[in-house]
Structure formats: C-alpha cells, structure tokens
Amino acid sequence: MELEDIYRQDLSLLIALQVLVEERSVTRAAKRLHLSQSATSRILGRLRQMLDDPLFSRVGQQLVPTQYALDCYRQLQGPTSELLTLLTPNAFVPSQCRQTFTLAATDFAIQGLLPFILPEIYRQAPNIRLNILPVQHQTLASQLSLQGVDMAICRALGQVSPLASTPLGRVGVSCLVSSYHPVADRPLTLTDYLHYPHATIAISDGVKAIVDAAIAQHPPRHECLRTAHLDSALALLSIHPLIITLPEGLAEMAAARHRLRVKPLPFEIAALNYSLFWHSRCELDKAQTWLRGMITGLIRPLLGQQGEP
C-alpha cells in the first residue's frame, strides 16, 4: 500500500477500534466517542470491511476481540501516542527553550536598548541563542521574509507591508559636546547649532536626514566628519568644538562614559517612532511570541511608553 492509498482511508476508524477493544462494548465506546450507539455500530461494520476481519464476537453483553483485533490494537499504541503528543499543545517553558533567534536592530537599539534587556531575557531562557544583525531599513520586508530574520527593532523607513508590528515608543534626539565646548555650560541655541562643526554618525538611525529636513530653510551645517563609528567622533571632541547629534540613549551613555555634556536639540524634529516588526511566518510560534513579549515589555519602559496606544 502506498502513502496515497492510506490517505484515502478513514483513519479515524482505527481510533474507534482502539476504543472498542478497550471498552468491549458498543454502548460504552459510543459514550467515549460522543456518538450514538447506532453510529458506533455502523463504524464497527466499516472497520470489519476495511480490515477484512470480524474483529469482535459477542459473548453475552460483551464484545470479545479477535486475535487480529488485539494485534491491531498493540500496533496502534505507538502511532496514536505520538499523534496525541503532536496534536496536544504544549505550554512554552522559557527555561527549556534551546531555539535560535535572529534579531535585526539599529545601531541605537544594539547599543542603547539591548544591553538593558538581554540580561532578563537570558535569565528566563538561559539556553537560547541570539544572532543580532544590523537592520536593513530599505529592504526590511525582504530581510524578515526571505533572509531568515525573525524580528527587527527599528523605525519604519521604507515599505513594511505585509509585516506585523507593535509600537515600542519614541526615541528622542540629543546633542553631544565636550565639557570644554563653548556651549558646555549654557543652553544650545539654533544659532550655535548652525555655527559649530558637526560629526555625523552614519548609522545613527537616519537622524541626519531628519535633522536636515527640520533646518532645511537655514544654511547647511558644516560637517567635518562622517563616520560609522561613534568612537571616531568622540576622539576629536577634546581638540575640536564638534556637535554630535545622536539618538538620546546613545548620547546619554557616551556622556556618562566620557564625561561629556548632553544638550537638547534646539528645534523640533519629526518623531523617531520605534517598533518591533516580524513576519507572519513567526506569528504563531510560541517561542517567538514569548520573545516578542519580552522585548516589548522590557523596551517600552525604557522609552517611556507603558503600553500600546
């Protein structure tokens, strides 16, 4: 018999056979199967036809299984037990999870958010493995649907359909200067911002484009350094009156480590709204659902958002 021949059979009849062998009564088997007695009798008839064996003989009020019925019963124990395991939903236990997750994130998220949430994630699920990659803003949908990335922490800069998402909060933008900068001990004004040279961090989540759009009616800023690494810009702060515009979290962290000053941006900009994105292929996976819940629950308080709007 081929696999497609099995497909044409009503395999639920074999479950009924197991119940009939265990109960030795059509009446009791009918109750377990939630069927009428007549329907169960018809099932027994179909079983006899399918297996080409009488299967049971009646002795008084009891059904006595044939040897073939008993042989079938024994052979069905393993497969039906495995089927029950397959069809019975298991509760997700983080401490037992050994799954590998691939997470894409912006530079800000990697440096300013993940260090604060990873300890709790690994405390609950010490055996998981996380692969953290740079997010590809302009091809985010492809990164999540075709490149094996499970979820992404970022802003929506390009086409995100058909991705699912949940908001994480708004990321502020601040300016970083040295303690020797002329504005170190006074408020930073728009005039100051346009006057002093700037260092641009190329991977600071599109901050430059947002800032440039906000001050487009003014003369362009003097950009004396453009780099992918914040440390390169920090190395010049002691000898050059640079202003570095960064996501707020990165600015605060750098200021604490290097004794720098953080200044509010002296003008309004478009919001940097962060979200957690994932593809529909991950929607119902229990481990993925747990990790999304952990990321959301831990990041929202960091960004000053306690719940979904």
C-alpha atoms as a PDB file:
ATOM      1  CA  MET A   1       0.000   0.000   0.000  1.00  0.00           C
ATOM      2  CA  GLU A   2       1.303   3.457  -0.924  1.00  0.00           C
ATOM      3  CA  LEU A   3       1.028   6.645   1.113  1.00  0.00           C
ATOM      4  CA  GLU A   4      -1.731   7.994  -1.125  1.00  0.00           C
ATOM      5  CA  ASP A   5      -3.710   4.787  -0.547  1.00  0.00           C
ATOM      6  CA  ILE A   6      -3.566   5.433   3.201  1.00  0.00           C
ATOM      7  CA  TYR A   7      -4.773   8.982   2.559  1.00  0.00           C
ATOM      8  CA  ARG A   8      -7.961   7.582   1.018  1.00  0.00           C
ATOM      9  CA  GLN A   9      -8.743   5.569   4.156  1.00  0.00           C
ATOM     10  CA  ASP A  10     -10.720   6.938   7.085  1.00  0.00           C
ATOM     11  CA  LEU A  11      -8.030   6.623   9.745  1.00  0.00           C
ATOM     12  CA  SER A  12     -10.401   7.825  12.460  1.00  0.00           C
ATOM     13  CA  LEU A  13     -11.884   4.316  12.273  1.00  0.00           C
ATOM     14  CA  LEU A  14      -8.664   2.985  13.818  1.00  0.00           C
ATOM     15  CA  ILE A  15      -9.172   5.213  16.854  1.00  0.00           C
ATOM     16  CA  ALA A  16     -12.658   3.756  17.174  1.00  0.00           C
ATOM     17  CA  LEU A  17     -11.135   0.262  17.019  1.00  0.00           C
ATOM     18  CA  GLN A  18      -8.861   1.081  19.951  1.00  0.00           C
ATOM     19  CA  VAL A  19     -11.797   2.353  21.991  1.00  0.00           C
ATOM     20  CA  LEU A  20     -13.891  -0.718  21.147  1.00  0.00           C
ATOM     21  CA  VAL A  21     -11.069  -3.055  22.223  1.00  0.00           C
ATOM     22  CA  GLU A  22     -10.681  -1.163  25.496  1.00  0.00           C
ATOM     23  CA  GLU A  23     -14.399  -0.947  26.292  1.00  0.00           C
ATOM     24  CA  ARG A  24     -15.569  -4.321  24.885  1.00  0.00           C
ATOM     25  CA  SER A  25     -18.981  -2.670  24.478  1.00  0.00           C
ATOM     26  CA  VAL A  26     -20.605  -0.680  21.694  1.00  0.00           C
ATOM     27  CA  THR A  27     -22.585   1.327  24.254  1.00  0.00           C
ATOM     28  CA  ARG A  28     -19.558   2.357  26.316  1.00  0.00           C
ATOM     29  CA  ALA A  29     -17.469   3.009  23.204  1.00  0.00           C
ATOM     30  CA  ALA A  30     -20.239   5.247  21.847  1.00  0.00           C
ATOM     31  CA  LYS A  31     -20.122   7.356  25.022  1.00  0.00           C
ATOM     32  CA  ARG A  32     -16.347   7.838  24.773  1.00  0.00           C
ATOM     33  CA  LEU A  33     -16.577   8.736  21.103  1.00  0.00           C
ATOM     34  CA  HIS A  34     -19.552  11.056  21.704  1.00  0.00           C
ATOM     35  CA  LEU A  35     -21.600   9.128  19.150  1.00  0.00           C
ATOM     36  CA  SER A  36     -24.917   7.343  19.188  1.00  0.00           C
ATOM     37  CA  GLN A  37     -24.947   3.587  19.653  1.00  0.00           C
ATOM     38  CA  SER A  38     -26.224   3.075  16.112  1.00  0.00           C
ATOM     39  CA  ALA A  39     -23.460   5.270  14.652  1.00  0.00           C
ATOM     40  CA  THR A  40     -20.849   3.283  16.583  1.00  0.00           C
ATOM     41  CA  SER A  41     -22.337   0.042  15.278  1.00  0.00           C
ATOM     42  CA  ARG A  42     -22.017   1.369  11.723  1.00  0.00           C
ATOM     43  CA  ILE A  43     -18.366   2.267  12.430  1.00  0.00           C
ATOM     44  CA  LEU A  44     -17.754  -1.308  13.571  1.00  0.00           C
ATOM     45  CA  GLY A  45     -19.232  -2.515  10.291  1.00  0.00           C
ATOM     46  CA  ARG A  46     -16.929  -0.235   8.306  1.00  0.00           C
ATOM     47  CA  LEU A  47     -13.948  -1.440  10.332  1.00  0.00           C
ATOM     48  CA  ARG A  48     -14.774  -5.057   9.524  1.00  0.00           C
ATOM     49  CA  GLN A  49     -14.968  -4.185   5.848  1.00  0.00           C
ATOM     50  CA  MET A  50     -11.737  -2.138   5.841  1.00  0.00           C
ATOM     51  CA  LEU A  51      -9.692  -4.725   7.763  1.00  0.00           C
ATOM     52  CA  ASP A  52     -11.415  -7.800   6.329  1.00  0.00           C
ATOM     53  CA  ASP A  53     -11.854  -9.399   9.735  1.00  0.00           C
ATOM     54  CA  PRO A  54     -14.840  -9.876  12.072  1.00  0.00           C
ATOM     55  CA  LEU A  55     -12.781  -8.139  14.809  1.00  0.00           C
ATOM     56  CA  PHE A  56     -15.257  -8.972  17.590  1.00  0.00           C
ATOM     57  CA  SER A  57     -17.649 -11.719  18.577  1.00  0.00           C
ATOM     58  CA  ARG A  58     -20.423 -11.196  21.080  1.00  0.00           C
ATOM     59  CA  VAL A  59     -20.434 -13.242  24.272  1.00  0.00           C
ATOM     60  CA  GLY A  60     -23.384 -12.202  26.394  1.00  0.00           C
ATOM     61  CA  GLN A  61     -23.264  -8.393  26.757  1.00  0.00           C
ATOM     62  CA  GLN A  62     -19.563  -8.194  25.947  1.00  0.00           C
ATOM     63  CA  LEU A  63     -17.580  -7.894  22.723  1.00  0.00           C
ATOM     64  CA  VAL A  64     -14.632 -10.273  22.603  1.00  0.00           C
ATOM     65  CA  PRO A  65     -11.863  -9.108  20.223  1.00  0.00           C
ATOM     66  CA  THR A  66     -10.355 -11.495  17.729  1.00  0.00           C
ATOM     67  CA  GLN A  67      -6.621 -12.100  17.733  1.00  0.00           C
ATOM     68  CA  TYR A  68      -6.312  -9.827  14.714  1.00  0.00           C
ATOM     69  CA  ALA A  69      -8.129  -7.034  16.565  1.00  0.00           C
ATOM     70  CA  LEU A  70      -5.732  -7.432  19.504  1.00  0.00           C
ATOM     71  CA  ASP A  71      -2.738  -7.365  17.157  1.00  0.00           C
ATOM     72  CA  CYS A  72      -4.042  -4.174  15.548  1.00  0.00           C
ATOM     73  CA  TYR A  73      -4.596  -2.641  18.981  1.00  0.00           C
ATOM     74  CA  ARG A  74      -0.994  -3.305  20.035  1.00  0.00           C
ATOM     75  CA  GLN A  75       0.424  -1.935  16.786  1.00  0.00           C
ATOM     76  CA  LEU A  76      -1.665   1.230  17.091  1.00  0.00           C
ATOM     77  CA  GLN A  77      -0.428   2.124  20.589  1.00  0.00           C
ATOM     78  CA  GLY A  78       2.806   3.769  19.447  1.00  0.00           C
ATOM     79  CA  PRO A  79       1.461   5.783  16.492  1.00  0.00           C
ATOM     80  CA  THR A  80      -1.594   7.074  18.365  1.00  0.00           C
ATOM     81  CA  SER A  81       0.530   8.048  21.366  1.00  0.00           C
ATOM     82  CA  GLU A  82       2.816  10.029  19.065  1.00  0.00           C
ATOM     83  CA  LEU A  83      -0.213  11.555  17.355  1.00  0.00           C
ATOM     84  CA  LEU A  84      -1.593  12.675  20.713  1.00  0.00           C
ATOM     85  CA  THR A  85       1.739  14.311  21.521  1.00  0.00           C
ATOM     86  CA  LEU A  86       1.759  16.043  18.147  1.00  0.00           C
ATOM     87  CA  LEU A  87      -1.797  17.356  18.485  1.00  0.00           C
ATOM     88  CA  THR A  88      -1.658  18.335  22.163  1.00  0.00           C
ATOM     89  CA  PRO A  89      -0.450  21.935  22.586  1.00  0.00           C
ATOM     90  CA  ASN A  90       2.459  22.195  24.984  1.00  0.00           C
ATOM     91  CA  ALA A  91       2.938  25.170  27.256  1.00  0.00           C
ATOM     92  CA  PHE A  92       6.067  27.115  26.361  1.00  0.00           C
ATOM     93  CA  VAL A  93       8.714  26.910  29.075  1.00  0.00           C
ATOM     94  CA  PRO A  94      11.436  29.551  28.528  1.00  0.00           C
ATOM     95  CA  SER A  95      13.973  27.763  30.725  1.00  0.00           C
ATOM     96  CA  GLN A  96      13.734  24.690  28.478  1.00  0.00           C
ATOM     97  CA  CYS A  97      13.930  26.550  25.160  1.00  0.00           C
ATOM     98  CA  ARG A  98      17.021  25.922  23.007  1.00  0.00           C
ATOM     99  CA  GLN A  99      15.831  27.787  19.942  1.00  0.00           C
ATOM    100  CA  THR A 100      17.986  30.135  17.872  1.00  0.00           C
ATOM    101  CA  PHE A 101      16.525  33.574  17.134  1.00  0.00           C
ATOM    102  CA  THR A 102      17.823  36.093  14.604  1.00  0.00           C
ATOM    103  CA  LEU A 103      17.167  39.705  15.543  1.00  0.00           C
ATOM    104  CA  ALA A 104      17.872  42.754  13.374  1.00  0.00           C
ATOM    105  CA  ALA A 105      18.345  46.081  15.114  1.00  0.00           C
ATOM    106  CA  THR A 106      19.570  49.614  14.558  1.00  0.00           C
ATOM    107  CA  ASP A 107      22.840  50.849  15.991  1.00  0.00           C
ATOM    108  CA  PHE A 108      20.890  52.710  18.649  1.00  0.00           C
ATOM    109  CA  ALA A 109      18.923  49.602  19.615  1.00  0.00           C
ATOM    110  CA  ILE A 110      22.079  47.475  19.743  1.00  0.00           C
ATOM    111  CA  GLN A 111      23.961  49.940  21.934  1.00  0.00           C
ATOM    112  CA  GLY A 112      21.199  51.757  23.776  1.00  0.00           C
ATOM    113  CA  LEU A 113      18.441  49.179  24.328  1.00  0.00           C
ATOM    114  CA  LEU A 114      19.649  45.588  24.067  1.00  0.00           C
ATOM    115  CA  PRO A 115      22.235  45.858  26.881  1.00  0.00           C
ATOM    116  CA  PHE A 116      19.380  46.676  29.253  1.00  0.00           C
ATOM    117  CA  ILE A 117      17.008  43.885  28.186  1.00  0.00           C
ATOM    118  CA  LEU A 118      19.262  40.936  27.341  1.00  0.00           C
ATOM    119  CA  PRO A 119      20.089  40.027  30.967  1.00  0.00           C
ATOM    120  CA  GLU A 120      16.413  39.453  31.808  1.00  0.00           C
ATOM    121  CA  ILE A 121      15.796  37.531  28.579  1.00  0.00           C
ATOM    122  CA  TYR A 122      18.726  35.206  29.286  1.00  0.00           C
ATOM    123  CA  ARG A 123      17.755  34.916  32.941  1.00  0.00           C
ATOM    124  CA  GLN A 124      14.440  33.405  31.878  1.00  0.00           C
ATOM    125  CA  ALA A 125      15.774  31.463  28.870  1.00  0.00           C
ATOM    126  CA  PRO A 126      19.466  30.702  29.507  1.00  0.00           C
ATOM    127  CA  ASN A 127      19.715  28.116  26.720  1.00  0.00           C
ATOM    128  CA  ILE A 128      18.528  30.210  23.771  1.00  0.00           C
ATOM    129  CA  ARG A 129      20.863  31.587  21.124  1.00  0.00           C
ATOM    130  CA  LEU A 130      20.506  35.102  19.724  1.00  0.00           C
ATOM    131  CA  ASN A 131      22.018  36.254  16.430  1.00  0.00           C
ATOM    132  CA  ILE A 132      21.934  40.063  16.253  1.00  0.00           C
ATOM    133  CA  LEU A 133      22.377  41.684  12.835  1.00  0.00           C
ATOM    134  CA  PRO A 134      22.263  45.269  11.506  1.00  0.00           C
ATOM    135  CA  VAL A 135      18.807  46.155  10.259  1.00  0.00           C
ATOM    136  CA  GLN A 136      18.318  46.877   6.554  1.00  0.00           C
ATOM    137  CA  HIS A 137      15.850  49.743   6.661  1.00  0.00           C
ATOM    138  CA  GLN A 138      15.082  49.997   2.971  1.00  0.00           C
ATOM    139  CA  THR A 139      14.595  46.255   2.492  1.00  0.00           C
ATOM    140  CA  LEU A 140      13.141  45.393   5.885  1.00  0.00           C
ATOM    141  CA  ALA A 141      10.294  43.299   4.469  1.00  0.00           C
ATOM    142  CA  SER A 142      12.753  41.218   2.462  1.00  0.00           C
ATOM    143  CA  GLN A 143      15.094  40.845   5.433  1.00  0.00           C
ATOM    144  CA  LEU A 144      12.285  39.407   7.540  1.00  0.00           C
ATOM    145  CA  SER A 145      10.531  37.350   4.881  1.00  0.00           C
ATOM    146  CA  LEU A 146      13.399  35.999   2.764  1.00  0.00           C
ATOM    147  CA  GLN A 147      16.625  36.325   4.748  1.00  0.00           C
ATOM    148  CA  GLY A 148      15.685  34.366   7.855  1.00  0.00           C
ATOM    149  CA  VAL A 149      15.479  37.266  10.305  1.00  0.00           C
ATOM    150  CA  ASP A 150      12.778  36.643  12.912  1.00  0.00           C
ATOM    151  CA  MET A 151      12.122  40.185  14.141  1.00  0.00           C
ATOM    152  CA  ALA A 152      13.535  43.703  13.940  1.00  0.00           C
ATOM    153  CA  ILE A 153      13.778  46.664  16.324  1.00  0.00           C
ATOM    154  CA  CYS A 154      13.781  49.831  14.254  1.00  0.00           C
ATOM    155  CA  ARG A 155      11.844  52.655  12.667  1.00  0.00           C
ATOM    156  CA  ALA A 156       9.749  52.140   9.563  1.00  0.00           C
ATOM    157  CA  LEU A 157      11.695  53.993   6.865  1.00  0.00           C
ATOM    158  CA  GLY A 158      10.658  52.003   3.810  1.00  0.00           C
ATOM    159  CA  GLN A 159       7.966  49.557   2.717  1.00  0.00           C
ATOM    160  CA  VAL A 160       6.990  47.353   5.675  1.00  0.00           C
ATOM    161  CA  SER A 161       3.890  45.634   4.270  1.00  0.00           C
ATOM    162  CA  PRO A 162       2.982  42.823   4.918  1.00  0.00           C
ATOM    163  CA  LEU A 163       4.916  42.782   8.193  1.00  0.00           C
ATOM    164  CA  ALA A 164       3.218  42.754  11.576  1.00  0.00           C
ATOM    165  CA  SER A 165       4.382  45.254  14.182  1.00  0.00           C
ATOM    166  CA  THR A 166       3.825  46.631  17.642  1.00  0.00           C
ATOM    167  CA  PRO A 167       4.968  50.088  18.844  1.00  0.00           C
ATOM    168  CA  LEU A 168       7.831  50.331  21.311  1.00  0.00           C
ATOM    169  CA  GLY A 169       7.976  54.082  21.873  1.00  0.00           C
ATOM    170  CA  ARG A 170       9.529  57.304  20.698  1.00  0.00           C
ATOM    171  CA  VAL A 171      13.286  57.803  20.621  1.00  0.00           C
ATOM    172  CA  GLY A 172      14.491  61.305  21.405  1.00  0.00           C
ATOM    173  CA  VAL A 173      17.437  63.063  19.758  1.00  0.00           C
ATOM    174  CA  SER A 174      20.128  64.953  21.682  1.00  0.00           C
ATOM    175  CA  CYS A 175      23.396  66.745  21.026  1.00  0.00           C
ATOM    176  CA  LEU A 176      26.697  65.664  22.500  1.00  0.00           C
ATOM    177  CA  VAL A 177      29.536  68.123  23.183  1.00  0.00           C
ATOM    178  CA  SER A 178      32.719  68.077  25.234  1.00  0.00           C
ATOM    179  CA  SER A 179      32.929  69.707  28.651  1.00  0.00           C
ATOM    180  CA  TYR A 180      35.270  72.279  27.029  1.00  0.00           C
ATOM    181  CA  HIS A 181      32.854  73.241  24.267  1.00  0.00           C
ATOM    182  CA  PRO A 182      31.803  76.935  24.254  1.00  0.00           C
ATOM    183  CA  VAL A 183      28.173  75.869  24.874  1.00  0.00           C
ATOM    184  CA  ALA A 184      29.013  73.296  27.552  1.00  0.00           C
ATOM    185  CA  ASP A 185      27.684  75.440  30.387  1.00  0.00           C
ATOM    186  CA  ARG A 186      24.791  77.179  28.666  1.00  0.00           C
ATOM    187  CA  PRO A 187      21.775  76.210  26.557  1.00  0.00           C
ATOM    188  CA  LEU A 188      22.454  75.246  22.958  1.00  0.00           C
ATOM    189  CA  THR A 189      20.672  77.607  20.547  1.00  0.00           C
ATOM    190  CA  LEU A 190      19.799  77.168  16.895  1.00  0.00           C
ATOM    191  CA  THR A 191      22.446  79.768  16.057  1.00  0.00           C
ATOM    192  CA  ASP A 192      25.016  77.697  17.936  1.00  0.00           C
ATOM    193  CA  TYR A 193      23.880  74.545  16.204  1.00  0.00           C
ATOM    194  CA  LEU A 194      24.334  76.094  12.766  1.00  0.00           C
ATOM    195  CA  HIS A 195      27.623  77.760  13.668  1.00  0.00           C
ATOM    196  CA  TYR A 196      29.724  74.943  15.118  1.00  0.00           C
ATOM    197  CA  PRO A 197      31.096  71.986  13.123  1.00  0.00           C
ATOM    198  CA  HIS A 198      29.370  68.635  13.226  1.00  0.00           C
ATOM    199  CA  ALA A 199      30.324  64.994  13.253  1.00  0.00           C
ATOM    200  CA  THR A 200      27.763  62.680  11.689  1.00  0.00           C
ATOM    201  CA  ILE A 201      27.455  59.077  12.755  1.00  0.00           C
ATOM    202  CA  ALA A 202      26.410  57.324   9.560  1.00  0.00           C
ATOM    203  CA  ILE A 203      24.471  54.549  11.280  1.00  0.00           C
ATOM    204  CA  SER A 204      22.655  56.601  13.918  1.00  0.00           C
ATOM    205  CA  ASP A 205      19.247  55.557  12.582  1.00  0.00           C
ATOM    206  CA  GLY A 206      18.620  58.245   9.981  1.00  0.00           C
ATOM    207  CA  VAL A 207      18.983  61.141  12.431  1.00  0.00           C
ATOM    208  CA  LYS A 208      20.911  63.246   9.898  1.00  0.00           C
ATOM    209  CA  ALA A 209      18.097  63.137   7.336  1.00  0.00           C
ATOM    210  CA  ILE A 210      15.515  64.120   9.942  1.00  0.00           C
ATOM    211  CA  VAL A 211      17.649  66.978  11.264  1.00  0.00           C
ATOM    212  CA  ASP A 212      18.476  68.247   7.776  1.00  0.00           C
ATOM    213  CA  ALA A 213      14.785  68.280   6.890  1.00  0.00           C
ATOM    214  CA  ALA A 214      13.960  70.274  10.033  1.00  0.00           C
ATOM    215  CA  ILE A 215      16.532  73.003   9.298  1.00  0.00           C
ATOM    216  CA  ALA A 216      16.307  72.933   5.510  1.00  0.00           C
ATOM    217  CA  GLN A 217      15.471  76.649   5.344  1.00  0.00           C
ATOM    218  CA  HIS A 218      18.789  77.510   7.021  1.00  0.00           C
ATOM    219  CA  PRO A 219      22.321  77.319   5.595  1.00  0.00           C
ATOM    220  CA  PRO A 220      23.665  73.769   5.652  1.00  0.00           C
ATOM    221  CA  ARG A 221      25.671  72.618   8.643  1.00  0.00           C
ATOM    222  CA  HIS A 222      29.432  72.270   8.378  1.00  0.00           C
ATOM    223  CA  GLU A 223      30.057  68.549   8.547  1.00  0.00           C
ATOM    224  CA  CYS A 224      33.751  67.985   9.267  1.00  0.00           C
ATOM    225  CA  LEU A 225      33.497  64.252   9.978  1.00  0.00           C
ATOM    226  CA  ARG A 226      31.261  61.469   8.769  1.00  0.00           C
ATOM    227  CA  THR A 227      31.907  58.062  10.280  1.00  0.00           C
ATOM    228  CA  ALA A 228      30.201  54.773  11.024  1.00  0.00           C
ATOM    229  CA  HIS A 229      31.758  54.630  14.489  1.00  0.00           C
ATOM    230  CA  LEU A 230      30.890  56.915  17.373  1.00  0.00           C
ATOM    231  CA  ASP A 231      34.335  56.416  18.934  1.00  0.00           C
ATOM    232  CA  SER A 232      35.971  58.114  15.946  1.00  0.00           C
ATOM    233  CA  ALA A 233      33.935  61.252  16.579  1.00  0.00           C
ATOM    234  CA  LEU A 234      34.466  61.121  20.336  1.00  0.00           C
ATOM    235  CA  ALA A 235      38.234  61.098  19.797  1.00  0.00           C
ATOM    236  CA  LEU A 236      38.011  64.587  18.244  1.00  0.00           C
ATOM    237  CA  LEU A 237      35.865  66.222  20.908  1.00  0.00           C
ATOM    238  CA  SER A 238      38.831  67.228  23.056  1.00  0.00           C
ATOM    239  CA  ILE A 239      40.523  69.153  20.216  1.00  0.00           C
ATOM    240  CA  HIS A 240      37.588  70.290  18.073  1.00  0.00           C
ATOM    241  CA  PRO A 241      34.336  72.073  19.079  1.00  0.00           C
ATOM    242  CA  LEU A 242      32.200  69.381  17.497  1.00  0.00           C
ATOM    243  CA  ILE A 243      28.496  68.810  17.959  1.00  0.00           C
ATOM    244  CA  ILE A 244      27.381  65.200  17.579  1.00  0.00           C
ATOM    245  CA  THR A 245      23.649  64.647  17.061  1.00  0.00           C
ATOM    246  CA  LEU A 246      22.551  61.221  18.251  1.00  0.00           C
ATOM    247  CA  PRO A 247      19.601  59.208  19.474  1.00  0.00           C
ATOM    248  CA  GLU A 248      19.104  60.255  23.071  1.00  0.00           C
ATOM    249  CA  GLY A 249      20.049  56.933  24.632  1.00  0.00           C
ATOM    250  CA  LEU A 250      23.396  56.787  22.853  1.00  0.00           C
ATOM    251  CA  ALA A 251      24.173  60.371  23.804  1.00  0.00           C
ATOM    252  CA  GLU A 252      23.433  59.700  27.477  1.00  0.00           C
ATOM    253  CA  MET A 253      25.581  56.559  27.509  1.00  0.00           C
ATOM    254  CA  ALA A 254      28.519  58.282  25.802  1.00  0.00           C
ATOM    255  CA  ALA A 255      28.275  61.273  28.137  1.00  0.00           C
ATOM    256  CA  ALA A 256      28.366  59.058  31.218  1.00  0.00           C
ATOM    257  CA  ARG A 257      31.385  57.108  29.992  1.00  0.00           C
ATOM    258  CA  HIS A 258      33.440  60.026  28.690  1.00  0.00           C
ATOM    259  CA  ARG A 259      32.343  62.936  30.931  1.00  0.00           C
ATOM    260  CA  LEU A 260      30.659  64.801  28.119  1.00  0.00           C
ATOM    261  CA  ARG A 261      27.649  67.117  28.062  1.00  0.00           C
ATOM    262  CA  VAL A 262      24.251  66.322  26.574  1.00  0.00           C
ATOM    263  CA  LYS A 263      22.228  69.198  25.147  1.00  0.00           C
ATOM    264  CA  PRO A 264      18.607  69.192  23.985  1.00  0.00           C
ATOM    265  CA  LEU A 265      18.151  69.689  20.269  1.00  0.00           C
ATOM    266  CA  PRO A 266      17.298  73.404  19.828  1.00  0.00           C
ATOM    267  CA  PHE A 267      14.456  72.791  17.349  1.00  0.00           C
ATOM    268  CA  GLU A 268      11.599  70.373  16.742  1.00  0.00           C
ATOM    269  CA  ILE A 269      12.042  67.328  14.523  1.00  0.00           C
ATOM    270  CA  ALA A 270       9.830  64.533  13.238  1.00  0.00           C
ATOM    271  CA  ALA A 271       9.265  61.739  15.724  1.00  0.00           C
ATOM    272  CA  LEU A 272      11.562  58.723  15.753  1.00  0.00           C
ATOM    273  CA  ASN A 273       8.926  56.119  16.489  1.00  0.00           C
ATOM    274  CA  TYR A 274      10.382  52.696  17.164  1.00  0.00           C
ATOM    275  CA  SER A 275       8.502  49.440  16.612  1.00  0.00           C
ATOM    276  CA  LEU A 276       9.097  45.718  16.756  1.00  0.00           C
ATOM    277  CA  PHE A 277       8.490  44.113  13.344  1.00  0.00           C
ATOM    278  CA  TRP A 278       8.065  40.446  12.417  1.00  0.00           C
ATOM    279  CA  HIS A 279       6.859  38.326   9.506  1.00  0.00           C
ATOM    280  CA  SER A 280       3.643  36.300   9.552  1.00  0.00           C
ATOM    281  CA  ARG A 281       5.663  33.059   9.431  1.00  0.00           C
ATOM    282  CA  CYS A 282       6.649  33.767  13.057  1.00  0.00           C
ATOM    283  CA  GLU A 283       3.199  34.861  14.230  1.00  0.00           C
ATOM    284  CA  LEU A 284       2.055  31.677  15.978  1.00  0.00           C
ATOM    285  CA  ASP A 285       5.388  30.203  17.070  1.00  0.00           C
ATOM    286  CA  LYS A 286       5.258  30.017  20.874  1.00  0.00           C
ATOM    287  CA  ALA A 287       8.937  30.766  21.398  1.00  0.00           C
ATOM    288  CA  GLN A 288       8.769  33.713  19.004  1.00  0.00           C
ATOM    289  CA  THR A 289       5.640  35.006  20.734  1.00  0.00           C
ATOM    290  CA  TRP A 290       7.391  34.794  24.099  1.00  0.00           C
ATOM    291  CA  LEU A 291      10.484  36.660  22.859  1.00  0.00           C
ATOM    292  CA  ARG A 292       8.370  39.384  21.240  1.00  0.00           C
ATOM    293  CA  GLY A 293       6.526  39.817  24.515  1.00  0.00           C
ATOM    294  CA  MET A 294       9.797  40.063  26.439  1.00  0.00           C
ATOM    295  CA  ILE A 295      11.281  42.634  24.051  1.00  0.00           C
ATOM    296  CA  THR A 296       8.119  44.724  24.041  1.00  0.00           C
ATOM    297  CA  GLY A 297       7.628  44.576  27.799  1.00  0.00           C
ATOM    298  CA  LEU A 298      11.239  45.493  28.563  1.00  0.00           C
ATOM    299  CA  ILE A 299      11.800  48.214  25.944  1.00  0.00           C
ATOM    300  CA  ARG A 300       8.590  50.197  26.400  1.00  0.00           C
ATOM    301  CA  PRO A 301       9.501  51.374  29.909  1.00  0.00           C
ATOM    302  CA  LEU A 302      12.972  52.357  28.653  1.00  0.00           C
ATOM    303  CA  LEU A 303      11.348  54.572  26.022  1.00  0.00           C
ATOM    304  CA  GLY A 304       8.756  55.939  28.418  1.00  0.00           C
ATOM    305  CA  GLN A 305       5.837  54.011  26.934  1.00  0.00           C
ATOM    306  CA  GLN A 306       3.945  51.719  29.281  1.00  0.00           C
ATOM    307  CA  GLY A 307       1.536  50.161  26.831  1.00  0.00           C
ATOM    308  CA  GLU A 308       0.281  50.093  23.282  1.00  0.00           C
ATOM    309  CA  PRO A 309      -1.618  53.266  22.338  1.00  0.00           C
END
